[in-house]
Amino acid sequence: MSRFQPLPSRPVTHLIVVVNALLLSGTSSAKLPTYDVVIANGRVVDGTGAPWFVGDVGVVGDRIVAIGDLSSAPTKQRIDAKSLVVAPGFIDLQGQSELNVLADNRLASKVTQGVTTEITGEGVSIAPANEQVFASRWRDTAQKLGIALDWRTLDEYLKRLERAKPAANVGILVGAGGLRIHVMGSDNRPPTPAELDQMRQLLEQAMKEGAFGLSSALQYVPGVFATTEELTELAKVARRYNGVYFTHQRSEADRIFESLDEVVAIAKGANISTTIWHLKTAYPPNWGKMPEVLRRLAAARAAGVDVAASAYPYARSSNRIAACLPPWVSEGGGDKLVARLADPSQRARAKKEMDEAGADWENQWRGAGGGKGVMLSLVVTPELQKFVGKTFDEIGKELGKDPRDAAMDIAIADRGMSQVINAIMDEADVRAVSSDPLVSFGADSAATAEDGPLGAMRPHPRAFGTFPRVISEYVQRAPTMRMEEAVRKMTSLAASRVGLMDRGILRPGMMADIVVFDPASLKDLATYKEPNHYSSGVKHVLVNGKPIVRDGVITDARPGRALRGPGSRR
């Protein structure tokens, strides 16, 4: 299969200009503007899925103002893109960088992939927050990174983000789990009517301040305790402000079809655009179910329900070590987790449940085949760093312990905050979901770097390679889609799922978020054992019209913005 869909070989000789864009730039249609940047002679893949064409893209200020033949147009900077692809900047729908961007505003592992916008806020978001929320999710990492948690509302966080001057754009979803913790802690019980009303009020305030919608993480505490009805009521609030709903659904394994039914029920009940994060069929008994999962998603859409999904192109997942333990261990927060695992009888119960088949929780430990399939990837406590990159079978052998005890001891030392990588998926299912037309992409990893304050981290390789890997694997090495389709899924489809109306397509009048890459050399270089490697092949990246990557090197420009959703009153 060709990497590109060919067109007749004739040059593009027309000039497309948006009059409003010219008026904004202080010019008239009688005189061509002086462009700030012209990207010349590239294979323009515009993000819609339409076949590529050879042309130039002209930028004035933060917007695209012309596409066509700009060979004679005056410009302050001309980028020669001959034999390169010019596309909209990639949109990461599951970024996780809300703290990391404050520690290192380059967003280096993302922008070197061509990512220009990140959407984040899974389950327990960075705001709104109080002391309970910070203690449960953010404080340990913030202390490690030297970040003061000096905000409470979403508006305060977005202003803090703006002061950090990020290289790329960042938008926030409000986590339903965070609302729960804010109001009622991590208890396993339904909210009272007054508590649910308080959660609604917090969400409404955040939507007015710029949230793009609601999110949930229903496999983890406290999201696992939320009912379908509770989530629907919150989603209705987001919908009133034209927001969306994203979910780490309740089951990705044995109960996946029941879980899909719940996703559809919430989407219908709240009449809200709904996207399933990192869609997968986990654990060997469920491998091969992905075609049926995708068929059911398509059927729901055919019935008028706005549901879709995102994925990452890897067969291993990554999450907190607490996901390998029964949910009751984490109920009530980190201090209670430590106390339970230090109690011999409760530890024995947890060990038994970690190995049990047919458990009523998403048992990632057993699903990965036990300690041989779970690798420690990130720790908060420095003394644990020597174990990073090893499986729990290896750690247990080194310590002379049962791998389950080794995992629990590390969970105690890190209060459940350690990250692990789990071998739980099948490559054929990953290929099927990644290639489906309803599926966009999210790295599900925070931005990091080869150097600087984040350089010591060893994340999942998806932090460095998600977007190049989509093209190198599914367009180049073993094709399942055209280049134009892969770009559409990473740009306009992603933008439509979150409600970004001015990004994701190369058109005059759209924001100038642009990536220029070499399809022949575009490749993810990060591995599970050696993840800290930038991808190759991304030559130039513009965010809001400013080059943040030039000739493959990150520049000093930091033009990213704190994006605010359609319901914002700010």
Protein backbone atom coordinates (compact mmCIF):
# COMPACT_ATOMS: atom_id res chain seq x y z
CA MET A 1 0.00 0.00 0.00
CA SER A 2 1.35 3.43 -0.92
CA ARG A 3 2.07 5.79 1.93
CA PHE A 4 0.28 8.52 0.01
CA GLN A 5 -2.81 8.66 -2.15
CA PRO A 6 -1.54 10.15 -5.44
CA LEU A 7 -3.17 12.94 -7.39
CA PRO A 8 -2.54 13.96 -11.01
CA SER A 9 0.89 15.58 -11.25
CA ARG A 10 0.00 19.20 -11.76
CA PRO A 11 1.20 22.08 -9.59
CA VAL A 12 -1.08 23.99 -7.27
CA THR A 13 -1.19 27.45 -8.82
CA HIS A 14 -4.11 28.99 -6.97
CA LEU A 15 -3.97 31.04 -3.80
CA ILE A 16 -6.56 30.54 -1.07
CA VAL A 17 -6.90 33.45 1.34
CA VAL A 18 -9.44 34.16 4.05
CA VAL A 19 -10.49 37.80 3.87
CA ASN A 20 -11.09 38.05 7.61
CA ALA A 21 -7.60 36.78 8.31
CA LEU A 22 -6.13 39.41 6.00
CA LEU A 23 -8.20 42.15 7.63
CA LEU A 24 -7.01 41.03 11.04
CA SER A 25 -3.44 41.23 9.83
CA GLY A 26 -3.95 44.81 8.65
CA THR A 27 -3.76 44.06 4.93
CA SER A 28 -6.24 44.16 2.10
CA SER A 29 -7.00 41.73 -0.67
CA ALA A 30 -5.32 44.12 -3.13
CA LYS A 31 -1.90 43.49 -1.62
CA LEU A 32 -0.39 40.23 -0.50
CA PRO A 33 0.64 40.23 3.14
CA THR A 34 4.15 39.73 4.37
CA TYR A 35 3.94 36.34 5.95
CA ASP A 36 5.60 35.54 9.22
CA VAL A 37 6.21 31.97 8.04
CA VAL A 38 5.75 30.19 4.72
CA ILE A 39 6.10 26.41 4.70
CA ALA A 40 6.93 25.76 1.05
CA ASN A 41 6.74 22.84 -1.36
CA GLY A 42 5.37 20.33 1.14
CA ARG A 43 2.98 17.44 0.69
CA VAL A 44 0.01 19.03 2.43
CA VAL A 45 -2.07 16.49 4.35
CA ASP A 46 -4.78 18.79 5.63
CA GLY A 47 -6.27 16.63 8.41
CA THR A 48 -9.63 15.95 6.75
CA GLY A 49 -8.60 12.64 5.20
CA ALA A 50 -8.53 14.17 1.71
CA PRO A 51 -5.65 13.21 -0.60
CA TRP A 52 -2.44 15.18 -0.20
CA PHE A 53 -1.38 17.90 -2.61
CA VAL A 54 1.81 19.87 -3.10
CA GLY A 55 1.49 23.43 -1.85
CA ASP A 56 2.62 26.18 0.49
CA VAL A 57 1.12 27.20 3.84
CA GLY A 58 1.30 30.85 4.86
CA VAL A 59 1.10 32.03 8.47
CA VAL A 60 0.50 35.52 9.84
CA GLY A 61 0.55 35.89 13.61
CA ASP A 62 -1.06 32.84 15.18
CA ARG A 63 -3.19 31.80 12.20
CA ILE A 64 -2.98 30.16 8.83
CA VAL A 65 -4.01 32.76 6.25
CA ALA A 66 -3.21 31.13 2.92
CA ILE A 67 -2.65 27.74 1.30
CA GLY A 68 -1.54 27.41 -2.31
CA ASP A 69 1.31 28.78 -4.44
CA LEU A 70 3.14 31.32 -2.29
CA SER A 71 6.46 31.08 -4.11
CA SER A 72 6.60 34.80 -4.83
CA ALA A 73 5.06 35.99 -1.57
CA PRO A 74 7.20 38.03 0.83
CA THR A 75 7.88 36.27 4.13
CA LYS A 76 10.04 36.66 7.20
CA GLN A 77 10.84 32.95 7.30
CA ARG A 78 10.56 30.29 4.61
CA ILE A 79 10.73 26.61 5.54
CA ASP A 80 11.52 24.28 2.65
CA ALA A 81 9.33 21.21 3.08
CA LYS A 82 10.11 19.47 -0.21
CA SER A 83 9.52 15.70 0.15
CA LEU A 84 8.15 16.30 3.67
CA VAL A 85 4.59 16.04 4.96
CA VAL A 86 2.93 19.21 6.26
CA ALA A 87 0.03 18.41 8.58
CA PRO A 88 -1.97 19.90 11.44
CA GLY A 89 -0.26 19.51 14.80
CA PHE A 90 -1.15 16.26 16.52
CA ILE A 91 -3.63 16.36 19.40
CA ASP A 92 -2.93 14.12 22.40
CA LEU A 93 -6.32 13.30 23.92
CA GLN A 94 -4.90 11.82 27.13
CA GLY A 95 -1.87 13.81 28.13
CA GLN A 96 -1.37 13.57 31.92
CA SER A 97 1.10 16.51 31.96
CA GLU A 98 -0.67 18.88 34.35
CA LEU A 99 2.21 18.84 36.89
CA ASN A 100 5.08 17.96 34.56
CA VAL A 101 4.44 21.01 32.40
CA LEU A 102 4.98 23.22 35.45
CA ALA A 103 8.32 21.50 36.10
CA ASP A 104 9.53 21.57 32.47
CA ASN A 105 7.56 23.76 30.09
CA ARG A 106 9.20 22.31 26.97
CA LEU A 107 6.83 19.30 26.96
CA ALA A 108 9.81 17.79 25.22
CA SER A 109 8.75 14.19 24.71
CA LYS A 110 5.47 15.40 23.20
CA VAL A 111 6.54 18.24 20.90
CA THR A 112 9.29 16.09 19.39
CA GLN A 113 6.47 13.76 18.28
CA GLY A 114 4.62 16.65 16.62
CA VAL A 115 2.09 17.12 19.43
CA THR A 116 0.86 20.71 19.61
CA THR A 117 -2.14 20.29 21.95
CA GLU A 118 -2.63 18.07 24.96
CA ILE A 119 -5.95 17.35 26.68
CA THR A 120 -5.63 16.02 30.21
CA GLY A 121 -7.60 15.39 33.40
CA GLU A 122 -8.31 11.67 33.79
CA GLY A 123 -10.47 10.69 36.74
CA VAL A 124 -8.89 12.91 39.40
CA SER A 125 -8.02 16.17 37.67
CA ILE A 126 -5.68 18.94 38.78
CA ALA A 127 -8.63 21.20 39.65
CA PRO A 128 -10.96 21.92 41.28
CA ALA A 129 -9.00 20.74 44.30
CA ASN A 130 -8.85 20.94 48.06
CA GLU A 131 -6.48 19.37 50.59
CA GLN A 132 -8.16 15.98 50.24
CA VAL A 133 -7.68 15.97 46.46
CA PHE A 134 -4.06 17.10 46.68
CA ALA A 135 -3.23 14.51 49.33
CA SER A 136 -4.84 11.66 47.42
CA ARG A 137 -3.30 12.30 44.02
CA TRP A 138 -0.92 15.22 43.61
CA ARG A 139 1.09 16.13 46.73
CA ASP A 140 3.80 13.45 46.61
CA THR A 141 4.62 14.12 42.97
CA ALA A 142 4.45 17.89 43.44
CA GLN A 143 6.94 17.70 46.31
CA LYS A 144 9.27 15.54 44.23
CA LEU A 145 9.13 18.10 41.40
CA GLY A 146 9.36 21.12 43.71
CA ILE A 147 5.96 22.50 42.69
CA ALA A 148 3.81 24.50 45.10
CA LEU A 149 0.16 23.48 44.93
CA ASP A 150 -1.01 27.07 45.12
CA TRP A 151 -4.32 26.85 43.27
CA ARG A 152 -7.76 25.51 44.13
CA THR A 153 -10.05 26.39 41.23
CA LEU A 154 -9.58 25.52 37.58
CA ASP A 155 -9.26 29.20 36.70
CA GLU A 156 -6.39 29.52 39.19
CA TYR A 157 -4.63 26.50 37.71
CA LEU A 158 -5.04 27.75 34.13
CA LYS A 159 -3.54 31.08 35.14
CA ARG A 160 -0.63 29.23 36.75
CA LEU A 161 -0.22 27.28 33.53
CA GLU A 162 -0.15 30.48 31.51
CA ARG A 163 2.61 31.85 33.76
CA ALA A 164 4.60 28.66 33.12
CA LYS A 165 4.58 29.51 29.37
CA PRO A 166 4.26 25.99 27.92
CA ALA A 167 5.62 25.13 24.50
CA ALA A 168 2.32 23.51 23.47
CA ASN A 169 -1.36 24.05 24.27
CA VAL A 170 -3.04 22.35 27.22
CA GLY A 171 -6.76 21.87 27.94
CA ILE A 172 -8.39 20.30 31.00
CA LEU A 173 -11.25 17.90 31.69
CA VAL A 174 -12.71 17.72 35.20
CA GLY A 175 -12.41 14.31 36.83
CA ALA A 176 -15.53 12.88 38.46
CA GLY A 177 -13.26 11.04 40.89
CA GLY A 178 -11.73 14.32 41.97
CA LEU A 179 -15.18 15.77 42.58
CA ARG A 180 -15.96 12.76 44.75
CA ILE A 181 -12.78 13.14 46.80
CA HIS A 182 -13.36 16.90 47.11
CA VAL A 183 -16.80 16.36 48.60
CA MET A 184 -16.80 12.92 50.28
CA GLY A 185 -13.27 11.51 50.23
CA SER A 186 -12.55 8.03 48.82
CA ASP A 187 -15.33 6.20 50.65
CA ASN A 188 -17.20 3.32 49.07
CA ARG A 189 -20.73 4.68 49.28
CA PRO A 190 -23.15 6.71 47.16
CA PRO A 191 -23.20 10.47 47.64
CA THR A 192 -26.08 11.99 49.56
CA PRO A 193 -28.34 14.32 47.56
CA ALA A 194 -26.55 17.29 49.15
CA GLU A 195 -23.12 15.86 48.26
CA LEU A 196 -24.15 15.19 44.66
CA ASP A 197 -25.45 18.75 44.41
CA GLN A 198 -22.11 20.05 45.71
CA MET A 199 -20.31 17.99 43.06
CA ARG A 200 -22.57 19.48 40.40
CA GLN A 201 -21.78 22.99 41.63
CA LEU A 202 -18.03 22.38 41.54
CA LEU A 203 -18.30 21.02 38.00
CA GLU A 204 -20.49 23.91 36.86
CA GLN A 205 -17.97 26.44 38.18
CA ALA A 206 -15.13 24.61 36.41
CA MET A 207 -17.06 24.52 33.13
CA LYS A 208 -17.55 28.29 33.36
CA GLU A 209 -13.84 28.67 34.04
CA GLY A 210 -12.79 26.73 30.94
CA ALA A 211 -13.06 22.95 31.42
CA PHE A 212 -13.74 21.01 28.23
CA GLY A 213 -15.97 18.52 29.99
CA LEU A 214 -16.15 15.67 32.48
CA SER A 215 -13.96 12.59 32.78
CA SER A 216 -14.04 9.38 34.78
CA ALA A 217 -11.65 6.56 35.64
CA LEU A 218 -13.97 3.77 36.71
CA GLN A 219 -11.37 1.09 37.29
CA TYR A 220 -9.68 2.99 40.11
CA VAL A 221 -10.63 4.28 43.55
CA PRO A 222 -12.79 6.33 43.96
CA GLY A 223 -14.27 6.16 40.45
CA VAL A 224 -14.97 2.45 40.89
CA PHE A 225 -17.53 3.38 43.57
CA ALA A 226 -19.55 5.74 41.32
CA THR A 227 -22.83 4.52 39.87
CA THR A 228 -24.06 5.00 36.32
CA GLU A 229 -26.74 7.36 37.62
CA GLU A 230 -24.21 9.53 39.47
CA LEU A 231 -22.04 9.84 36.37
CA THR A 232 -25.03 10.65 34.17
CA GLU A 233 -26.14 13.45 36.48
CA LEU A 234 -22.66 15.00 36.37
CA ALA A 235 -22.42 14.56 32.60
CA LYS A 236 -25.66 16.52 32.22
CA VAL A 237 -23.94 19.51 33.87
CA ALA A 238 -21.03 19.32 31.41
CA ARG A 239 -23.46 19.04 28.50
CA ARG A 240 -25.22 22.27 29.48
CA TYR A 241 -21.95 24.06 28.76
CA ASN A 242 -21.34 22.19 25.48
CA GLY A 243 -18.83 19.96 27.21
CA VAL A 244 -17.88 16.36 26.46
CA TYR A 245 -17.44 13.18 28.48
CA PHE A 246 -14.30 11.01 28.41
CA THR A 247 -14.01 7.77 30.33
CA HIS A 248 -11.57 5.10 31.37
CA GLN A 249 -14.43 2.64 31.28
CA ARG A 250 -15.30 0.32 34.12
CA SER A 251 -14.02 -2.86 32.50
CA GLU A 252 -11.53 -3.50 29.73
CA ALA A 253 -11.54 -7.23 30.35
CA ASP A 254 -14.10 -9.88 31.30
CA ARG A 255 -17.02 -7.43 31.63
CA ILE A 256 -16.17 -5.26 28.65
CA PHE A 257 -19.52 -5.64 26.90
CA GLU A 258 -21.44 -4.67 30.05
CA SER A 259 -19.04 -1.76 30.42
CA LEU A 260 -19.74 -0.62 26.86
CA ASP A 261 -23.44 -0.71 27.65
CA GLU A 262 -22.82 1.63 30.57
CA VAL A 263 -20.83 4.04 28.38
CA VAL A 264 -23.68 4.15 25.87
CA ALA A 265 -26.24 4.61 28.67
CA ILE A 266 -24.38 7.64 30.03
CA ALA A 267 -23.97 9.13 26.54
CA LYS A 268 -27.70 8.72 25.87
CA GLY A 269 -28.84 9.76 29.33
CA ALA A 270 -26.88 13.00 29.25
CA ASN A 271 -27.07 13.49 25.46
CA ILE A 272 -23.32 14.10 25.51
CA SER A 273 -20.43 13.40 23.16
CA THR A 274 -18.59 10.48 24.78
CA THR A 275 -15.12 9.07 24.13
CA ILE A 276 -13.63 5.92 25.66
CA TRP A 277 -9.99 6.41 26.56
CA HIS A 278 -7.37 3.78 25.61
CA LEU A 279 -9.90 1.27 24.31
CA LYS A 280 -8.54 -2.25 24.76
CA THR A 281 -9.48 -5.88 25.35
CA ALA A 282 -7.28 -6.90 28.26
CA TYR A 283 -5.98 -10.29 29.46
CA PRO A 284 -5.67 -13.47 27.36
CA PRO A 285 -9.28 -14.73 27.79
CA ASN A 286 -10.49 -11.53 26.09
CA TRP A 287 -8.00 -11.35 23.25
CA GLY A 288 -9.78 -11.42 19.92
CA LYS A 289 -12.86 -9.57 21.17
CA MET A 290 -11.82 -6.21 19.69
CA PRO A 291 -13.67 -6.61 16.36
CA GLU A 292 -16.91 -7.16 18.29
CA VAL A 293 -16.17 -4.17 20.55
CA LEU A 294 -15.67 -1.98 17.48
CA ARG A 295 -18.83 -3.37 15.87
CA ARG A 296 -20.83 -2.40 18.96
CA LEU A 297 -19.38 1.12 18.95
CA ALA A 298 -20.31 1.53 15.29
CA ALA A 299 -23.81 0.20 15.99
CA ALA A 300 -24.31 2.70 18.80
CA ARG A 301 -23.32 5.54 16.48
CA ALA A 302 -25.65 4.20 13.80
CA ALA A 303 -28.41 4.39 16.41
CA GLY A 304 -27.63 8.07 17.02
CA VAL A 305 -25.40 7.87 20.10
CA ASP A 306 -22.26 10.03 19.86
CA VAL A 307 -19.63 7.56 21.09
CA ALA A 308 -16.07 7.01 19.89
CA ALA A 309 -12.71 6.04 21.38
CA SER A 310 -9.01 6.71 21.61
CA ALA A 311 -6.09 4.28 21.85
CA TYR A 312 -2.33 4.06 22.12
CA PRO A 313 -0.41 1.75 19.76
CA TYR A 314 1.25 -0.50 22.35
CA ALA A 315 0.38 -3.90 23.82
CA ARG A 316 1.34 -2.98 27.38
CA SER A 317 -0.52 -0.62 29.68
CA SER A 318 0.75 1.60 32.46
CA ASN A 319 -0.87 2.76 35.66
CA ARG A 320 -0.34 3.02 39.39
CA ILE A 321 0.70 -0.01 41.35
CA ALA A 322 -2.60 0.22 43.23
CA ALA A 323 -4.29 -1.17 40.07
CA CYS A 324 -2.55 -4.47 40.82
CA LEU A 325 -4.20 -4.61 44.26
CA PRO A 326 -7.87 -5.20 45.16
CA PRO A 327 -9.80 -1.89 45.28
CA TRP A 328 -10.60 -2.23 48.99
CA VAL A 329 -6.88 -1.82 49.71
CA SER A 330 -6.94 1.74 48.34
CA GLU A 331 -10.30 2.81 49.75
CA GLY A 332 -9.90 5.91 51.88
CA GLY A 333 -6.52 7.01 50.46
CA GLY A 334 -2.81 6.36 50.81
CA ASP A 335 -2.59 6.24 54.60
CA LYS A 336 -5.25 3.55 54.79
CA LEU A 337 -3.54 1.61 52.00
CA VAL A 338 -0.32 1.60 54.01
CA ALA A 339 -2.12 0.47 57.18
CA ARG A 340 -3.96 -2.36 55.43
CA LEU A 341 -0.87 -3.75 53.72
CA ALA A 342 1.07 -3.58 57.01
CA ASP A 343 -1.59 -5.72 58.71
CA PRO A 344 -0.69 -9.44 58.25
CA SER A 345 -4.27 -10.66 57.91
CA GLN A 346 -5.27 -8.00 55.38
CA ARG A 347 -2.03 -8.51 53.44
CA ALA A 348 -2.77 -12.25 53.26
CA ARG A 349 -6.27 -11.52 51.96
CA ALA A 350 -4.90 -9.15 49.28
CA LYS A 351 -2.26 -11.69 48.19
CA LYS A 352 -4.93 -14.35 47.79
CA GLU A 353 -7.20 -12.07 45.76
CA MET A 354 -4.33 -11.02 43.47
CA ASP A 355 -4.12 -14.61 42.21
CA GLU A 356 -7.83 -15.41 42.06
CA ALA A 357 -9.65 -16.03 38.80
CA GLY A 358 -13.06 -14.46 38.28
CA ALA A 359 -12.41 -11.57 40.67
CA ASP A 360 -15.01 -8.81 40.69
CA TRP A 361 -12.32 -6.18 39.99
CA GLU A 362 -10.01 -5.46 37.08
CA ASN A 363 -7.18 -7.64 38.34
CA GLN A 364 -4.18 -6.31 36.43
CA TRP A 365 -1.73 -8.44 38.42
CA ARG A 366 -3.32 -11.73 37.36
CA GLY A 367 -4.16 -10.38 33.88
CA ALA A 368 -0.46 -9.69 33.25
CA GLY A 369 0.49 -13.19 34.32
CA GLY A 370 1.65 -12.15 37.79
CA GLY A 371 5.02 -10.67 38.68
CA LYS A 372 6.69 -11.63 35.39
CA GLY A 373 4.31 -9.34 33.45
CA VAL A 374 4.40 -6.30 35.77
CA MET A 375 7.42 -3.98 35.57
CA LEU A 376 8.12 -1.09 37.95
CA SER A 377 8.54 2.05 35.84
CA LEU A 378 8.31 5.10 38.11
CA VAL A 379 8.72 5.75 41.84
CA VAL A 380 8.37 8.71 44.16
CA THR A 381 10.71 7.53 46.92
CA PRO A 382 14.37 7.85 45.78
CA GLU A 383 15.46 4.70 47.62
CA LEU A 384 13.25 2.65 45.30
CA GLN A 385 14.90 3.93 42.12
CA LYS A 386 17.23 0.91 41.96
CA PHE A 387 14.22 -1.32 41.22
CA VAL A 388 12.89 0.74 38.31
CA GLY A 389 12.94 -1.18 35.03
CA LYS A 390 12.65 -4.58 36.72
CA THR A 391 9.68 -6.94 36.87
CA PHE A 392 8.33 -7.95 40.25
CA ASP A 393 9.55 -11.48 39.67
CA GLU A 394 13.04 -9.96 39.37
CA ILE A 395 12.53 -7.63 42.35
CA GLY A 396 11.15 -10.48 44.47
CA LYS A 397 14.12 -12.69 43.63
CA GLU A 398 16.54 -9.87 44.48
CA LEU A 399 14.84 -9.29 47.84
CA GLY A 400 14.16 -12.94 48.61
CA LYS A 401 10.40 -12.31 48.69
CA ASP A 402 7.22 -13.46 47.04
CA PRO A 403 6.68 -11.05 44.09
CA ARG A 404 3.32 -10.06 45.60
CA ASP A 405 5.02 -9.08 48.86
CA ALA A 406 7.61 -7.12 46.92
CA ALA A 407 4.81 -5.23 45.14
CA MET A 408 3.03 -4.51 48.44
CA ASP A 409 6.22 -3.33 50.14
CA ILE A 410 6.89 -0.90 47.30
CA ALA A 411 3.24 0.22 47.44
CA ILE A 412 3.73 0.95 51.16
CA ALA A 413 6.97 2.87 50.62
CA ASP A 414 5.38 4.99 47.86
CA ARG A 415 1.87 5.16 49.38
CA GLY A 416 0.49 3.51 46.25
CA MET A 417 1.93 6.17 43.91
CA SER A 418 4.48 4.01 42.02
CA GLN A 419 3.82 3.40 38.33
CA VAL A 420 4.01 0.00 36.66
CA ILE A 421 3.89 -1.32 33.08
CA ASN A 422 1.67 -4.37 32.50
CA ALA A 423 1.76 -6.86 29.61
CA ILE A 424 -2.00 -7.36 29.14
CA MET A 425 -2.89 -6.87 25.44
CA ASP A 426 -2.58 -8.71 22.13
CA GLU A 427 -0.94 -7.06 19.12
CA ALA A 428 -3.77 -8.03 16.76
CA ASP A 429 -6.32 -6.26 18.96
CA VAL A 430 -4.08 -3.20 19.24
CA ARG A 431 -3.74 -3.08 15.46
CA ALA A 432 -7.49 -3.41 14.99
CA VAL A 433 -8.40 -0.60 17.39
CA SER A 434 -5.62 1.71 16.22
CA SER A 435 -6.77 1.40 12.62
CA ASP A 436 -10.51 1.89 13.20
CA PRO A 437 -11.95 5.12 11.74
CA LEU A 438 -13.72 6.00 15.02
CA VAL A 439 -10.51 5.87 17.08
CA SER A 440 -8.16 8.78 17.76
CA PHE A 441 -5.04 8.69 19.95
CA GLY A 442 -3.84 9.61 23.41
CA ALA A 443 -0.42 8.81 24.90
CA ASP A 444 -1.85 8.35 28.41
CA SER A 445 1.52 9.58 29.67
CA ALA A 446 2.85 12.85 30.99
CA ALA A 447 5.40 14.79 28.98
CA THR A 448 8.95 14.06 30.01
CA ALA A 449 12.43 14.58 28.56
CA GLU A 450 15.83 13.06 27.95
CA ASP A 451 17.33 15.66 30.29
CA GLY A 452 16.36 18.29 32.86
CA PRO A 453 14.17 17.83 35.93
CA LEU A 454 12.18 15.00 34.34
CA GLY A 455 15.09 13.19 32.71
CA ALA A 456 15.50 10.60 35.48
CA MET A 457 12.01 9.21 34.91
CA ARG A 458 11.54 5.91 33.05
CA PRO A 459 8.01 6.11 31.66
CA HIS A 460 6.09 3.87 29.30
CA PRO A 461 7.61 4.40 25.81
CA ARG A 462 4.30 5.86 24.67
CA ALA A 463 5.36 9.10 26.41
CA PHE A 464 7.99 9.53 23.70
CA GLY A 465 6.64 7.61 20.73
CA THR A 466 2.85 7.32 20.41
CA PHE A 467 2.22 9.50 17.35
CA PRO A 468 5.25 8.58 15.21
CA ARG A 469 4.55 4.93 16.02
CA VAL A 470 1.05 5.17 14.53
CA ILE A 471 2.51 6.23 11.18
CA SER A 472 5.64 4.07 11.22
CA GLU A 473 3.69 0.94 12.21
CA TYR A 474 0.28 1.27 10.55
CA VAL A 475 1.12 3.39 7.48
CA GLN A 476 4.70 2.36 6.73
CA ARG A 477 5.78 -1.04 8.09
CA ALA A 478 2.55 -3.07 7.87
CA PRO A 479 -0.05 -0.76 6.32
CA THR A 480 -3.63 -0.75 7.52
CA MET A 481 -4.46 2.82 6.48
CA ARG A 482 -3.31 5.67 4.26
CA MET A 483 -1.18 8.51 5.57
CA GLU A 484 -4.13 10.86 5.16
CA GLU A 485 -6.31 8.67 7.37
CA ALA A 486 -3.69 8.36 10.10
CA VAL A 487 -3.27 12.14 10.16
CA ARG A 488 -7.06 12.67 10.25
CA LYS A 489 -7.33 10.44 13.30
CA MET A 490 -4.57 12.37 15.09
CA THR A 491 -5.89 15.84 14.17
CA SER A 492 -9.42 16.68 13.04
CA LEU A 493 -11.01 13.60 14.60
CA ALA A 494 -9.26 14.30 17.91
CA ALA A 495 -10.24 17.98 17.76
CA SER A 496 -13.88 17.11 17.13
CA ARG A 497 -14.01 14.73 20.10
CA VAL A 498 -13.02 17.43 22.57
CA GLY A 499 -14.74 20.36 20.86
CA LEU A 500 -11.71 22.23 19.48
CA MET A 501 -13.17 24.07 16.51
CA ASP A 502 -10.14 26.14 15.48
CA ARG A 503 -7.45 23.43 15.40
CA GLY A 504 -6.92 20.09 13.73
CA ILE A 505 -7.26 21.12 10.06
CA LEU A 506 -5.00 23.11 7.74
CA ARG A 507 -7.32 25.83 6.48
CA PRO A 508 -7.07 29.62 6.24
CA GLY A 509 -8.43 31.10 9.44
CA MET A 510 -7.46 28.11 11.61
CA MET A 511 -4.84 28.34 14.34
CA ALA A 512 -1.32 27.74 13.04
CA ASP A 513 -0.53 24.52 14.88
CA ILE A 514 1.51 22.66 12.25
CA VAL A 515 3.90 19.71 12.09
CA VAL A 516 6.36 19.03 9.28
CA PHE A 517 7.84 15.53 9.21
CA ASP A 518 9.83 13.18 7.01
CA PRO A 519 7.71 10.06 6.46
CA ALA A 520 10.80 8.05 5.52
CA SER A 521 12.52 8.62 8.89
CA LEU A 522 9.54 9.11 11.21
CA LYS A 523 9.90 6.49 13.92
CA ASP A 524 9.46 5.92 17.64
CA LEU A 525 12.82 5.06 19.26
CA ALA A 526 11.67 4.56 22.87
CA THR A 527 11.52 1.00 24.22
CA TYR A 528 10.28 -0.52 27.48
CA LYS A 529 13.81 -1.03 28.74
CA GLU A 530 15.18 2.26 27.36
CA PRO A 531 12.21 4.64 27.06
CA ASN A 532 13.99 8.00 27.25
CA HIS A 533 14.59 8.58 23.55
CA TYR A 534 12.96 11.23 21.39
CA SER A 535 11.34 10.05 18.18
CA SER A 536 13.02 10.72 14.85
CA GLY A 537 11.65 12.35 11.72
CA VAL A 538 9.79 15.41 13.09
CA LYS A 539 11.57 18.35 11.46
CA HIS A 540 9.49 21.41 12.34
CA VAL A 541 6.62 22.14 14.73
CA LEU A 542 4.68 25.40 14.96
CA VAL A 543 2.35 26.24 17.84
CA ASN A 544 0.15 29.30 17.44
CA GLY A 545 2.37 30.34 14.54
CA LYS A 546 5.69 30.13 16.42
CA PRO A 547 8.33 27.47 15.66
CA ILE A 548 8.88 25.34 18.77
CA VAL A 549 10.88 22.68 16.90
CA ARG A 550 13.22 23.75 14.10
CA ASP A 551 15.28 21.22 12.13
CA GLY A 552 14.48 18.62 14.79
CA VAL A 553 15.69 20.76 17.71
CA ILE A 554 13.46 22.30 20.38
CA THR A 555 13.65 26.10 20.22
CA ASP A 556 13.36 28.66 23.02
CA ALA A 557 9.84 29.67 21.92
CA ARG A 558 7.07 28.94 24.41
CA PRO A 559 3.86 30.04 22.63
CA GLY A 560 1.50 27.40 24.04
CA ARG A 561 -1.75 28.46 25.66
CA ALA A 562 -4.02 27.35 28.45
CA LEU A 563 -7.03 26.44 26.35
CA ARG A 564 -10.53 27.04 27.65
CA GLY A 565 -13.59 25.09 26.63
CA PRO A 566 -16.74 26.29 24.84
CA GLY A 567 -18.59 27.01 28.07
CA SER A 568 -15.95 29.38 29.42
CA ARG A 569 -17.10 32.71 30.81
CA ARG A 570 -13.49 33.94 31.25
